[in-house]
Amino acid sequence: MTVLGRYYEGVLADAAAFDLPFNALPGVSQGSFVRSNIPVWACTSDLAATATGVAIGTRIWLRKGDVVTNISFVAGNTALATGTAGWHALYDPDGALLAQSAAQGATAWAANTARKLALTAPKTITVDGWYIVATSTTAATVQTLIGNAPIVAATAAVHTGSKALGFTFGSATGDVAPATTGTQTGVAKCPLAVVS
């Protein structure tokens, strides 16, 4: 009897074809806890900004036992200008808030720069699943984000029960992430998100 797949830093089984990197970030150690929702090579778009105070979310696969301490999003070619509020947050697969970063207030976010924010408390994942990471900015000019611009209808209907890769929710969120995502409106925007 054989076991398909490969054990990281352990027994090398006979089916390398079943390998899946823990993260799709070239140069980042596969032995570190880092997860990305899409590979960096798929980031081919400078995604149009959301409206001020509106959150944008995307799904990321997390495993039981993962401990999420930080969430990162990357600004595109447009920097945040005249910001007054903002945050990154982690939601469970059903859209209930698990943890958020500190309020960002008027903190700058330059173009083409990652914003890595620590959650107010690390969150240990208790069940495998498609969790939600989100960010929101309240500003005169909301930054764009790097990512991919999939066709909304297609990504939400790949298979029975599948959902859009990117979506918006909330309004006038300020410095506090909503307790739930509520209605998720699919958008042709899937920002790169990294948790560590």
N, C-alpha and C. Protein backbone atom coordinates (compact mmCIF):
# COMPACT_ATOMS: atom_id res chain seq x y z
N MET A 1 0.85 -1.18 0.00
CA MET A 1 0.00 0.00 0.00
C MET A 1 0.89 1.24 0.00
N THR A 2 0.51 2.23 -0.79
CA THR A 2 1.29 3.47 -0.84
C THR A 2 0.42 4.63 -0.43
N VAL A 3 1.06 5.70 -0.06
CA VAL A 3 0.37 6.94 0.29
C VAL A 3 0.72 7.96 -0.77
N LEU A 4 -0.27 8.47 -1.47
CA LEU A 4 0.00 9.44 -2.51
C LEU A 4 0.30 10.80 -1.91
N GLY A 5 1.21 11.51 -2.55
CA GLY A 5 1.53 12.84 -2.08
C GLY A 5 2.95 12.91 -1.56
N ARG A 6 3.30 14.01 -0.99
CA ARG A 6 4.66 14.20 -0.50
C ARG A 6 4.60 14.85 0.87
N TYR A 7 5.41 14.36 1.77
CA TYR A 7 5.45 14.92 3.11
C TYR A 7 6.57 15.94 3.19
N TYR A 8 6.26 17.15 3.53
CA TYR A 8 7.28 18.20 3.60
C TYR A 8 8.27 17.86 4.70
N GLU A 9 9.56 17.90 4.37
CA GLU A 9 10.66 17.62 5.31
C GLU A 9 10.51 16.26 5.97
N GLY A 10 9.98 15.30 5.23
CA GLY A 10 9.82 13.97 5.81
C GLY A 10 9.90 12.92 4.73
N VAL A 11 9.10 11.87 4.90
CA VAL A 11 9.08 10.77 3.94
C VAL A 11 8.71 11.28 2.56
N LEU A 12 9.45 10.86 1.57
CA LEU A 12 9.17 11.24 0.18
C LEU A 12 8.37 10.12 -0.44
N ALA A 13 7.10 10.36 -0.71
CA ALA A 13 6.24 9.32 -1.27
C ALA A 13 6.38 9.27 -2.78
N ASP A 14 5.54 8.49 -3.44
CA ASP A 14 5.74 8.20 -4.85
C ASP A 14 4.90 9.01 -5.81
N ALA A 15 4.27 10.07 -5.38
CA ALA A 15 3.40 10.82 -6.27
C ALA A 15 3.65 12.32 -6.17
N ALA A 16 4.78 12.73 -6.71
CA ALA A 16 5.12 14.17 -6.66
C ALA A 16 4.09 15.01 -7.38
N ALA A 17 3.34 14.42 -8.31
CA ALA A 17 2.33 15.16 -9.06
C ALA A 17 1.24 15.71 -8.16
N PHE A 18 1.11 15.15 -6.96
CA PHE A 18 0.08 15.62 -6.04
C PHE A 18 0.58 16.73 -5.12
N ASP A 19 1.83 17.13 -5.30
CA ASP A 19 2.37 18.21 -4.47
C ASP A 19 1.58 19.49 -4.68
N LEU A 20 1.44 20.26 -3.64
CA LEU A 20 0.86 21.60 -3.73
C LEU A 20 1.67 22.49 -2.80
N PRO A 21 2.28 23.53 -3.32
CA PRO A 21 3.07 24.40 -2.43
C PRO A 21 2.19 24.99 -1.33
N PHE A 22 2.77 25.19 -0.17
CA PHE A 22 2.03 25.80 0.92
C PHE A 22 1.73 27.25 0.59
N ASN A 23 2.60 27.86 -0.20
CA ASN A 23 2.33 29.23 -0.64
C ASN A 23 2.84 29.34 -2.07
N ALA A 24 2.33 30.28 -2.80
CA ALA A 24 2.74 30.46 -4.19
C ALA A 24 3.56 31.74 -4.32
N LEU A 25 4.51 31.91 -3.41
CA LEU A 25 5.34 33.10 -3.35
C LEU A 25 6.79 32.68 -3.57
N PRO A 26 7.30 32.80 -4.79
CA PRO A 26 8.68 32.37 -5.07
C PRO A 26 9.67 33.00 -4.10
N GLY A 27 10.57 32.18 -3.59
CA GLY A 27 11.60 32.66 -2.68
C GLY A 27 11.22 32.58 -1.22
N VAL A 28 9.93 32.38 -0.93
CA VAL A 28 9.49 32.29 0.47
C VAL A 28 9.55 30.83 0.89
N SER A 29 10.16 30.56 2.04
CA SER A 29 10.34 29.20 2.52
C SER A 29 9.01 28.47 2.66
N GLN A 30 8.97 27.25 2.11
CA GLN A 30 7.77 26.43 2.27
C GLN A 30 7.65 25.89 3.69
N GLY A 31 8.73 26.06 4.48
CA GLY A 31 8.69 25.62 5.86
C GLY A 31 8.13 26.66 6.81
N SER A 32 7.85 27.86 6.30
CA SER A 32 7.26 28.93 7.11
C SER A 32 5.76 28.94 6.91
N PHE A 33 5.02 29.41 7.90
CA PHE A 33 3.58 29.54 7.71
C PHE A 33 3.30 30.82 6.93
N VAL A 34 3.03 30.66 5.68
CA VAL A 34 2.63 31.76 4.80
C VAL A 34 1.62 31.17 3.82
N ARG A 35 0.48 31.81 3.65
CA ARG A 35 -0.52 31.34 2.69
C ARG A 35 -0.90 32.52 1.79
N SER A 36 -1.07 32.23 0.50
CA SER A 36 -1.56 33.24 -0.43
C SER A 36 -2.81 32.71 -1.11
N ASN A 37 -3.73 33.61 -1.45
CA ASN A 37 -4.97 33.17 -2.08
C ASN A 37 -4.80 32.87 -3.57
N ILE A 38 -3.86 33.57 -4.22
CA ILE A 38 -3.54 33.32 -5.62
C ILE A 38 -2.03 33.41 -5.75
N PRO A 39 -1.46 32.74 -6.77
CA PRO A 39 -0.01 32.88 -6.95
C PRO A 39 0.35 34.27 -7.44
N VAL A 40 1.53 34.74 -7.08
CA VAL A 40 1.91 36.10 -7.48
C VAL A 40 1.97 36.25 -8.99
N TRP A 41 2.28 35.18 -9.72
CA TRP A 41 2.34 35.30 -11.18
C TRP A 41 0.96 35.55 -11.79
N ALA A 42 -0.10 35.31 -11.02
CA ALA A 42 -1.46 35.57 -11.51
C ALA A 42 -1.88 37.02 -11.28
N CYS A 43 -1.03 37.80 -10.61
CA CYS A 43 -1.36 39.20 -10.34
C CYS A 43 -1.04 40.04 -11.58
N THR A 44 -1.98 40.10 -12.47
CA THR A 44 -1.79 40.76 -13.76
C THR A 44 -2.58 42.04 -13.88
N SER A 45 -3.24 42.46 -12.80
CA SER A 45 -4.10 43.64 -12.88
C SER A 45 -3.86 44.61 -11.74
N ASP A 46 -4.02 45.88 -12.06
CA ASP A 46 -4.07 46.94 -11.06
C ASP A 46 -5.57 47.18 -10.86
N LEU A 47 -6.12 46.56 -9.83
CA LEU A 47 -7.56 46.53 -9.64
C LEU A 47 -8.12 47.90 -9.26
N ALA A 48 -9.16 48.32 -9.92
CA ALA A 48 -9.82 49.59 -9.60
C ALA A 48 -10.18 49.61 -8.12
N ALA A 49 -10.04 50.76 -7.52
CA ALA A 49 -10.34 50.90 -6.10
C ALA A 49 -11.82 50.71 -5.82
N THR A 50 -12.11 50.25 -4.62
CA THR A 50 -13.50 50.20 -4.16
C THR A 50 -13.90 51.62 -3.76
N ALA A 51 -15.16 51.81 -3.51
CA ALA A 51 -15.62 53.10 -2.98
C ALA A 51 -15.07 53.27 -1.57
N THR A 52 -14.91 54.49 -1.15
CA THR A 52 -14.42 54.76 0.20
C THR A 52 -15.32 54.10 1.24
N GLY A 53 -14.70 53.44 2.22
CA GLY A 53 -15.45 52.80 3.30
C GLY A 53 -16.09 51.48 2.94
N VAL A 54 -15.88 50.99 1.71
CA VAL A 54 -16.43 49.70 1.30
C VAL A 54 -15.32 48.66 1.38
N ALA A 55 -15.61 47.51 1.98
CA ALA A 55 -14.61 46.45 2.12
C ALA A 55 -14.55 45.60 0.86
N ILE A 56 -13.36 45.10 0.57
CA ILE A 56 -13.20 44.11 -0.48
C ILE A 56 -12.63 42.85 0.17
N GLY A 57 -13.24 41.71 -0.16
CA GLY A 57 -12.82 40.45 0.42
C GLY A 57 -12.46 39.44 -0.64
N THR A 58 -11.70 38.45 -0.24
CA THR A 58 -11.34 37.33 -1.11
C THR A 58 -11.19 36.09 -0.23
N ARG A 59 -11.30 34.93 -0.85
CA ARG A 59 -11.23 33.69 -0.10
C ARG A 59 -9.82 33.11 -0.14
N ILE A 60 -9.44 32.47 0.98
CA ILE A 60 -8.13 31.86 1.10
C ILE A 60 -8.28 30.55 1.86
N TRP A 61 -7.62 29.50 1.38
CA TRP A 61 -7.73 28.19 2.01
C TRP A 61 -6.80 28.13 3.21
N LEU A 62 -7.37 27.83 4.39
CA LEU A 62 -6.58 27.69 5.61
C LEU A 62 -6.84 26.31 6.21
N ARG A 63 -5.82 25.79 6.86
CA ARG A 63 -5.89 24.45 7.43
C ARG A 63 -6.01 24.51 8.95
N LYS A 64 -6.64 23.49 9.52
CA LYS A 64 -6.73 23.36 10.96
C LYS A 64 -5.33 23.42 11.55
N GLY A 65 -5.15 24.26 12.56
CA GLY A 65 -3.86 24.41 13.21
C GLY A 65 -3.07 25.61 12.73
N ASP A 66 -3.42 26.18 11.56
CA ASP A 66 -2.76 27.40 11.12
C ASP A 66 -3.00 28.50 12.14
N VAL A 67 -1.99 29.29 12.40
CA VAL A 67 -2.14 30.43 13.31
C VAL A 67 -1.90 31.70 12.50
N VAL A 68 -2.96 32.45 12.30
CA VAL A 68 -2.89 33.68 11.50
C VAL A 68 -2.57 34.85 12.42
N THR A 69 -1.45 35.51 12.15
CA THR A 69 -1.01 36.65 12.94
C THR A 69 -1.09 37.93 12.13
N ASN A 70 -0.80 37.84 10.82
CA ASN A 70 -0.74 39.01 9.95
C ASN A 70 -1.52 38.79 8.67
N ILE A 71 -2.02 39.87 8.10
CA ILE A 71 -2.66 39.86 6.79
C ILE A 71 -2.03 40.96 5.96
N SER A 72 -1.71 40.64 4.71
CA SER A 72 -1.12 41.62 3.80
C SER A 72 -1.93 41.75 2.53
N PHE A 73 -2.09 42.97 2.06
CA PHE A 73 -2.59 43.29 0.73
C PHE A 73 -1.55 44.22 0.11
N VAL A 74 -1.53 44.32 -1.22
CA VAL A 74 -0.52 45.14 -1.89
C VAL A 74 -1.19 46.21 -2.73
N ALA A 75 -0.84 47.48 -2.47
CA ALA A 75 -1.37 48.59 -3.27
C ALA A 75 -0.84 48.49 -4.69
N GLY A 76 -1.66 48.91 -5.64
CA GLY A 76 -1.25 48.96 -7.04
C GLY A 76 -0.61 50.30 -7.36
N ASN A 77 -0.87 50.80 -8.55
CA ASN A 77 -0.23 52.04 -9.01
C ASN A 77 -0.81 53.31 -8.39
N THR A 78 -1.94 53.20 -7.71
CA THR A 78 -2.55 54.37 -7.06
C THR A 78 -2.41 54.25 -5.55
N ALA A 79 -1.79 55.23 -4.93
CA ALA A 79 -1.61 55.23 -3.49
C ALA A 79 -2.86 55.74 -2.78
N LEU A 80 -2.99 55.39 -1.53
CA LEU A 80 -4.03 55.97 -0.68
C LEU A 80 -3.70 57.45 -0.48
N ALA A 81 -4.71 58.30 -0.54
CA ALA A 81 -4.49 59.73 -0.30
C ALA A 81 -5.57 60.25 0.63
N THR A 82 -5.16 61.03 1.62
CA THR A 82 -6.06 61.64 2.59
C THR A 82 -6.94 60.58 3.25
N GLY A 83 -6.28 59.59 3.83
CA GLY A 83 -7.01 58.52 4.53
C GLY A 83 -7.46 58.95 5.91
N THR A 84 -8.59 58.39 6.34
CA THR A 84 -9.08 58.67 7.70
C THR A 84 -9.36 57.39 8.49
N ALA A 85 -9.45 56.24 7.81
CA ALA A 85 -9.74 54.99 8.50
C ALA A 85 -9.37 53.81 7.61
N GLY A 86 -9.20 52.65 8.23
CA GLY A 86 -8.91 51.45 7.46
C GLY A 86 -8.54 50.28 8.35
N TRP A 87 -8.57 49.08 7.78
CA TRP A 87 -8.25 47.85 8.51
C TRP A 87 -8.09 46.69 7.54
N HIS A 88 -7.50 45.59 8.05
CA HIS A 88 -7.52 44.28 7.41
C HIS A 88 -8.24 43.37 8.42
N ALA A 89 -8.93 42.34 7.92
CA ALA A 89 -9.65 41.45 8.83
C ALA A 89 -9.73 40.03 8.29
N LEU A 90 -9.94 39.10 9.21
CA LEU A 90 -10.12 37.69 8.91
C LEU A 90 -11.53 37.28 9.32
N TYR A 91 -12.24 36.65 8.38
CA TYR A 91 -13.59 36.15 8.61
C TYR A 91 -13.64 34.65 8.42
N ASP A 92 -14.57 33.99 9.09
CA ASP A 92 -14.72 32.55 8.89
C ASP A 92 -15.40 32.28 7.54
N PRO A 93 -15.51 31.02 7.12
CA PRO A 93 -16.11 30.73 5.81
C PRO A 93 -17.55 31.23 5.64
N ASP A 94 -18.25 31.41 6.74
CA ASP A 94 -19.63 31.90 6.67
C ASP A 94 -19.72 33.42 6.74
N GLY A 95 -18.60 34.09 6.89
CA GLY A 95 -18.60 35.56 6.90
C GLY A 95 -18.68 36.19 8.27
N ALA A 96 -18.40 35.44 9.35
CA ALA A 96 -18.39 36.02 10.70
C ALA A 96 -16.97 36.47 11.04
N LEU A 97 -16.85 37.66 11.58
CA LEU A 97 -15.55 38.25 11.93
C LEU A 97 -14.83 37.40 12.98
N LEU A 98 -13.58 37.06 12.70
CA LEU A 98 -12.74 36.33 13.66
C LEU A 98 -11.75 37.27 14.34
N ALA A 99 -11.15 38.17 13.56
CA ALA A 99 -10.16 39.10 14.12
C ALA A 99 -9.89 40.20 13.10
N GLN A 100 -9.45 41.36 13.59
CA GLN A 100 -9.08 42.44 12.69
C GLN A 100 -7.81 43.09 13.18
N SER A 101 -7.21 43.89 12.31
CA SER A 101 -6.01 44.64 12.67
C SER A 101 -6.39 45.85 13.50
N ALA A 102 -5.38 46.55 13.97
CA ALA A 102 -5.61 47.83 14.62
C ALA A 102 -6.16 48.82 13.59
N ALA A 103 -6.88 49.81 14.07
CA ALA A 103 -7.40 50.87 13.19
C ALA A 103 -6.22 51.60 12.55
N GLN A 104 -6.34 51.91 11.26
CA GLN A 104 -5.25 52.55 10.53
C GLN A 104 -5.35 54.06 10.47
N GLY A 105 -6.53 54.61 10.78
CA GLY A 105 -6.67 56.06 10.80
C GLY A 105 -6.12 56.72 9.55
N ALA A 106 -5.19 57.66 9.71
CA ALA A 106 -4.63 58.41 8.58
C ALA A 106 -3.30 57.83 8.10
N THR A 107 -2.98 56.58 8.49
CA THR A 107 -1.71 55.97 8.09
C THR A 107 -1.58 55.91 6.57
N ALA A 108 -0.42 56.31 6.07
CA ALA A 108 -0.18 56.32 4.62
C ALA A 108 -0.07 54.90 4.08
N TRP A 109 -0.37 54.74 2.76
CA TRP A 109 -0.17 53.48 2.05
C TRP A 109 0.29 53.86 0.66
N ALA A 110 1.59 53.73 0.43
CA ALA A 110 2.19 54.14 -0.84
C ALA A 110 1.83 53.19 -1.98
N ALA A 111 1.92 53.68 -3.20
CA ALA A 111 1.68 52.85 -4.38
C ALA A 111 2.69 51.70 -4.43
N ASN A 112 2.26 50.57 -4.99
CA ASN A 112 3.13 49.41 -5.20
C ASN A 112 3.84 48.96 -3.93
N THR A 113 3.10 49.00 -2.83
CA THR A 113 3.66 48.66 -1.53
C THR A 113 2.72 47.73 -0.77
N ALA A 114 3.30 46.69 -0.16
CA ALA A 114 2.50 45.79 0.67
C ALA A 114 2.19 46.46 2.00
N ARG A 115 0.96 46.27 2.46
CA ARG A 115 0.61 46.72 3.82
C ARG A 115 0.34 45.45 4.62
N LYS A 116 1.30 45.13 5.49
CA LYS A 116 1.20 43.95 6.35
C LYS A 116 0.76 44.43 7.73
N LEU A 117 -0.41 43.99 8.13
CA LEU A 117 -0.96 44.42 9.42
C LEU A 117 -1.16 43.22 10.34
N ALA A 118 -0.73 43.38 11.58
CA ALA A 118 -0.94 42.34 12.58
C ALA A 118 -2.39 42.37 13.07
N LEU A 119 -2.96 41.20 13.28
CA LEU A 119 -4.28 41.14 13.91
C LEU A 119 -4.12 41.55 15.37
N THR A 120 -5.18 42.04 15.98
CA THR A 120 -5.09 42.47 17.38
C THR A 120 -4.75 41.29 18.29
N ALA A 121 -5.07 40.06 17.84
CA ALA A 121 -4.67 38.83 18.54
C ALA A 121 -4.56 37.73 17.49
N PRO A 122 -3.53 36.88 17.56
CA PRO A 122 -3.42 35.79 16.60
C PRO A 122 -4.66 34.89 16.66
N LYS A 123 -5.01 34.33 15.52
CA LYS A 123 -6.20 33.48 15.44
C LYS A 123 -5.79 32.08 14.97
N THR A 124 -6.09 31.08 15.79
CA THR A 124 -5.81 29.69 15.43
C THR A 124 -7.01 29.12 14.69
N ILE A 125 -6.74 28.55 13.52
CA ILE A 125 -7.79 27.97 12.69
C ILE A 125 -8.16 26.60 13.24
N THR A 126 -9.45 26.36 13.46
CA THR A 126 -9.88 25.10 14.07
C THR A 126 -10.46 24.10 13.08
N VAL A 127 -10.81 24.57 11.87
CA VAL A 127 -11.39 23.70 10.85
C VAL A 127 -10.85 24.11 9.49
N ASP A 128 -10.47 23.13 8.65
CA ASP A 128 -10.06 23.44 7.28
C ASP A 128 -11.19 24.17 6.57
N GLY A 129 -10.87 25.11 5.72
CA GLY A 129 -11.93 25.76 4.95
C GLY A 129 -11.47 26.97 4.17
N TRP A 130 -12.42 27.51 3.38
CA TRP A 130 -12.19 28.73 2.59
C TRP A 130 -12.55 29.93 3.45
N TYR A 131 -11.58 30.47 4.13
CA TYR A 131 -11.78 31.64 4.98
C TYR A 131 -11.78 32.91 4.13
N ILE A 132 -12.14 34.01 4.72
CA ILE A 132 -12.23 35.28 4.01
C ILE A 132 -11.25 36.27 4.64
N VAL A 133 -10.45 36.91 3.80
CA VAL A 133 -9.64 38.04 4.26
C VAL A 133 -10.15 39.27 3.54
N ALA A 134 -10.14 40.37 4.23
CA ALA A 134 -10.73 41.59 3.66
C ALA A 134 -9.94 42.81 4.11
N THR A 135 -10.13 43.88 3.35
CA THR A 135 -9.53 45.15 3.71
C THR A 135 -10.51 46.26 3.36
N SER A 136 -10.41 47.36 4.08
CA SER A 136 -11.25 48.52 3.80
C SER A 136 -10.44 49.78 4.07
N THR A 137 -10.68 50.79 3.25
CA THR A 137 -10.02 52.08 3.41
C THR A 137 -11.06 53.19 3.27
N THR A 138 -11.00 54.13 4.17
CA THR A 138 -11.81 55.33 4.06
C THR A 138 -10.85 56.47 3.72
N ALA A 139 -11.02 57.05 2.55
CA ALA A 139 -10.06 58.06 2.10
C ALA A 139 -10.63 58.88 0.95
N ALA A 140 -10.03 60.04 0.71
CA ALA A 140 -10.41 60.84 -0.45
C ALA A 140 -10.06 60.08 -1.72
N THR A 141 -8.91 59.38 -1.71
CA THR A 141 -8.51 58.50 -2.80
C THR A 141 -8.17 57.15 -2.21
N VAL A 142 -8.96 56.13 -2.55
CA VAL A 142 -8.70 54.77 -2.08
C VAL A 142 -7.66 54.14 -3.01
N GLN A 143 -6.68 53.47 -2.42
CA GLN A 143 -5.63 52.83 -3.21
C GLN A 143 -6.20 51.71 -4.10
N THR A 144 -5.53 51.49 -5.22
CA THR A 144 -5.84 50.31 -6.02
C THR A 144 -5.09 49.14 -5.39
N LEU A 145 -5.41 47.92 -5.81
CA LEU A 145 -4.76 46.73 -5.28
C LEU A 145 -4.27 45.87 -6.43
N ILE A 146 -3.13 45.17 -6.21
CA ILE A 146 -2.71 44.25 -7.26
C ILE A 146 -3.46 42.94 -7.08
N GLY A 147 -3.71 42.28 -8.21
CA GLY A 147 -4.42 41.01 -8.17
C GLY A 147 -4.80 40.57 -9.55
N ASN A 148 -5.94 39.93 -9.64
CA ASN A 148 -6.43 39.39 -10.90
C ASN A 148 -7.85 39.88 -11.10
N ALA A 149 -8.24 40.07 -12.37
CA ALA A 149 -9.58 40.57 -12.66
C ALA A 149 -10.39 39.50 -13.40
N PRO A 150 -10.87 38.49 -12.67
CA PRO A 150 -11.63 37.42 -13.31
C PRO A 150 -13.04 37.87 -13.68
N ILE A 151 -13.67 37.14 -14.57
CA ILE A 151 -15.05 37.43 -14.93
C ILE A 151 -15.93 36.96 -13.78
N VAL A 152 -16.68 37.86 -13.19
CA VAL A 152 -17.45 37.55 -11.98
C VAL A 152 -18.39 36.38 -12.17
N ALA A 153 -19.21 36.42 -13.21
CA ALA A 153 -20.21 35.37 -13.41
C ALA A 153 -19.53 34.01 -13.58
N ALA A 154 -18.39 33.98 -14.25
CA ALA A 154 -17.70 32.71 -14.47
C ALA A 154 -17.13 32.16 -13.18
N THR A 155 -16.49 33.00 -12.36
CA THR A 155 -15.86 32.49 -11.14
C THR A 155 -16.89 32.09 -10.10
N ALA A 156 -18.08 32.63 -10.20
CA ALA A 156 -19.12 32.28 -9.22
C ALA A 156 -19.91 31.05 -9.65
N ALA A 157 -19.64 30.54 -10.84
CA ALA A 157 -20.44 29.43 -11.33
C ALA A 157 -19.60 28.32 -11.93
N VAL A 158 -18.39 28.13 -11.40
CA VAL A 158 -17.50 27.10 -11.92
C VAL A 158 -18.07 25.72 -11.62
N HIS A 159 -18.69 25.58 -10.45
CA HIS A 159 -19.27 24.31 -10.03
C HIS A 159 -20.38 24.61 -9.03
N THR A 160 -21.27 23.69 -8.84
CA THR A 160 -22.36 23.88 -7.89
C THR A 160 -21.81 24.32 -6.53
N GLY A 161 -22.28 25.44 -6.05
CA GLY A 161 -21.85 25.94 -4.74
C GLY A 161 -20.63 26.83 -4.77
N SER A 162 -19.95 26.96 -5.92
CA SER A 162 -18.77 27.82 -5.95
C SER A 162 -19.17 29.28 -5.87
N LYS A 163 -18.25 30.10 -5.40
CA LYS A 163 -18.53 31.51 -5.16
C LYS A 163 -17.52 32.39 -5.88
N ALA A 164 -17.85 33.66 -6.00
CA ALA A 164 -16.94 34.61 -6.65
C ALA A 164 -15.62 34.68 -5.89
N LEU A 165 -14.53 34.86 -6.62
CA LEU A 165 -13.22 34.96 -6.00
C LEU A 165 -13.05 36.26 -5.22
N GLY A 166 -13.68 37.32 -5.70
CA GLY A 166 -13.59 38.61 -5.02
C GLY A 166 -14.98 39.20 -4.85
N PHE A 167 -15.17 39.95 -3.80
CA PHE A 167 -16.48 40.54 -3.54
C PHE A 167 -16.32 41.75 -2.63
N THR A 168 -17.32 42.61 -2.66
CA THR A 168 -17.35 43.76 -1.76
C THR A 168 -18.49 43.59 -0.76
N PHE A 169 -18.38 44.31 0.34
CA PHE A 169 -19.44 44.28 1.36
C PHE A 169 -19.31 45.51 2.25
N GLY A 170 -20.40 45.85 2.90
CA GLY A 170 -20.40 46.94 3.86
C GLY A 170 -20.35 48.31 3.21
N SER A 171 -20.50 49.33 4.05
CA SER A 171 -20.38 50.73 3.63
C SER A 171 -20.07 51.55 4.87
N ALA A 172 -19.34 52.62 4.69
CA ALA A 172 -18.96 53.48 5.81
C ALA A 172 -18.39 52.65 6.97
N THR A 173 -17.46 51.74 6.65
CA THR A 173 -16.94 50.83 7.67
C THR A 173 -16.02 51.50 8.67
N GLY A 174 -15.42 52.61 8.31
CA GLY A 174 -14.55 53.32 9.25
C GLY A 174 -13.39 52.46 9.69
N ASP A 175 -13.06 52.52 10.99
CA ASP A 175 -11.93 51.77 11.53
C ASP A 175 -12.33 50.46 12.18
N VAL A 176 -13.61 50.06 12.04
CA VAL A 176 -14.08 48.83 12.67
C VAL A 176 -14.68 47.90 11.62
N ALA A 177 -14.11 46.70 11.49
CA ALA A 177 -14.64 45.72 10.54
C ALA A 177 -16.03 45.28 10.99
N PRO A 178 -16.98 45.13 10.05
CA PRO A 178 -18.32 44.67 10.41
C PRO A 178 -18.26 43.29 11.08
N ALA A 179 -19.20 43.00 11.96
CA ALA A 179 -19.25 41.71 12.65
C ALA A 179 -19.48 40.56 11.68
N THR A 180 -20.15 40.83 10.56
CA THR A 180 -20.33 39.84 9.50
C THR A 180 -20.17 40.55 8.17
N THR A 181 -19.88 39.77 7.14
CA THR A 181 -19.77 40.39 5.82
C THR A 181 -21.14 40.77 5.29
N GLY A 182 -22.19 40.11 5.77
CA GLY A 182 -23.52 40.39 5.24
C GLY A 182 -23.57 40.04 3.76
N THR A 183 -24.28 40.82 2.98
CA THR A 183 -24.39 40.56 1.54
C THR A 183 -23.04 40.74 0.86
N GLN A 184 -22.64 39.73 0.12
CA GLN A 184 -21.38 39.78 -0.61
C GLN A 184 -21.69 40.00 -2.09
N THR A 185 -21.21 41.10 -2.63
CA THR A 185 -21.45 41.43 -4.03
C THR A 185 -20.23 41.06 -4.85
N GLY A 186 -20.36 40.05 -5.70
CA GLY A 186 -19.24 39.60 -6.52
C GLY A 186 -18.75 40.70 -7.43
N VAL A 187 -17.43 40.84 -7.54
CA VAL A 187 -16.82 41.85 -8.40
C VAL A 187 -15.70 41.21 -9.22
N ALA A 188 -15.35 41.83 -10.33
CA ALA A 188 -14.26 41.32 -11.17
C ALA A 188 -12.93 41.79 -10.61
N LYS A 189 -12.71 41.49 -9.36
CA LYS A 189 -11.50 41.89 -8.64
C LYS A 189 -11.14 40.80 -7.64
N CYS A 190 -9.97 40.23 -7.77
CA CYS A 190 -9.48 39.27 -6.80
C CYS A 190 -8.11 39.75 -6.35
N PRO A 191 -8.06 40.53 -5.26
CA PRO A 191 -6.78 41.05 -4.82
C PRO A 191 -5.89 39.96 -4.23
N LEU A 192 -4.58 40.10 -4.42
CA LEU A 192 -3.63 39.22 -3.78
C LEU A 192 -3.73 39.44 -2.27
N ALA A 193 -3.88 38.35 -1.52
CA ALA A 193 -3.90 38.43 -0.06
C ALA A 193 -2.93 37.39 0.47
N VAL A 194 -2.17 37.77 1.48
CA VAL A 194 -1.20 36.87 2.09
C VAL A 194 -1.42 36.88 3.59
N VAL A 195 -1.48 35.68 4.18
CA VAL A 195 -1.58 35.60 5.63
C VAL A 195 -0.33 34.92 6.15
N SER A 196 0.10 35.31 7.31
CA SER A 196 1.30 34.72 7.91
C SER A 196 1.15 34.78 9.43
